[in-house]
């Protein structure tokens, strides 16, 4: 009997590009906070406040560098035939590129960020940003695996068809590691901030920030939670999202799978 080959989703179909976004969240004395960056006045989404993220790359399909999740289960969670695991790798890569935060394990345990390790990984990040090394190469060199258990699938958005450049984007949530700090990549961002979701929404309402619908709806969802534990509990049960209405569909929101 011949094995059935399940084709992986193309990175680009027409004018739609696959993408992934990560919402880093943490607890603070004021409640749940999320990390946001402001894009410069050029490229995709100029001047907007967004969550870190970017395009899914061909190199992101590297199942061997993943901990806690295989491609079959990842694809089932997203409702795709195969290749779903690359979204988890893409958001881990983007998080390392844009935030300097590594969501990974080594030999099944959390990575210890002593000064020597931090300096070595900073050097790897600089080479990654200069396109001199791939994220999967870094993981293999350092014997790291993407900590898929830290990344929770949050939502699915496709840019409406009236926009020339469109993105098919999966949103994820990750708890900020306690022994790391965010260091935004200044070439792709002009500002960064840990902020309560309600405050971010107020900045938009009062005209200080500009945000697109997927960002606003994501912040509205996060604003319901007082702490990371409560948010993750609902997200892991897929009961966090607002009902998918006709209005949300026009904005680009899709069902989770």
Foldseek 3Di string as FASTA:
>chain_A
DDDDDDDDDDQDDQQEGAKEFEWAWAADPQFIWTKWFAFDQDDPPHRAIDGFMTGQDPVLQDQVQAPDDGFVVQCVQQVHPTDSNSNLSRHQLRCCQFWVAHQKAAPPHRDDDDPVNSVVSVVVSVCVVVVNDDPVRVCVVVRIHHHSVQKFWAFWFWAAPVDRRIYTYTYIYGYGDPPDGTDGDCVGGPDMDIGQLVVVLVCVVVVNHDYADVRNQVSVLSNVHRGPVVSVVCRNVVNRHDDCDPVNVNSGTDPSD
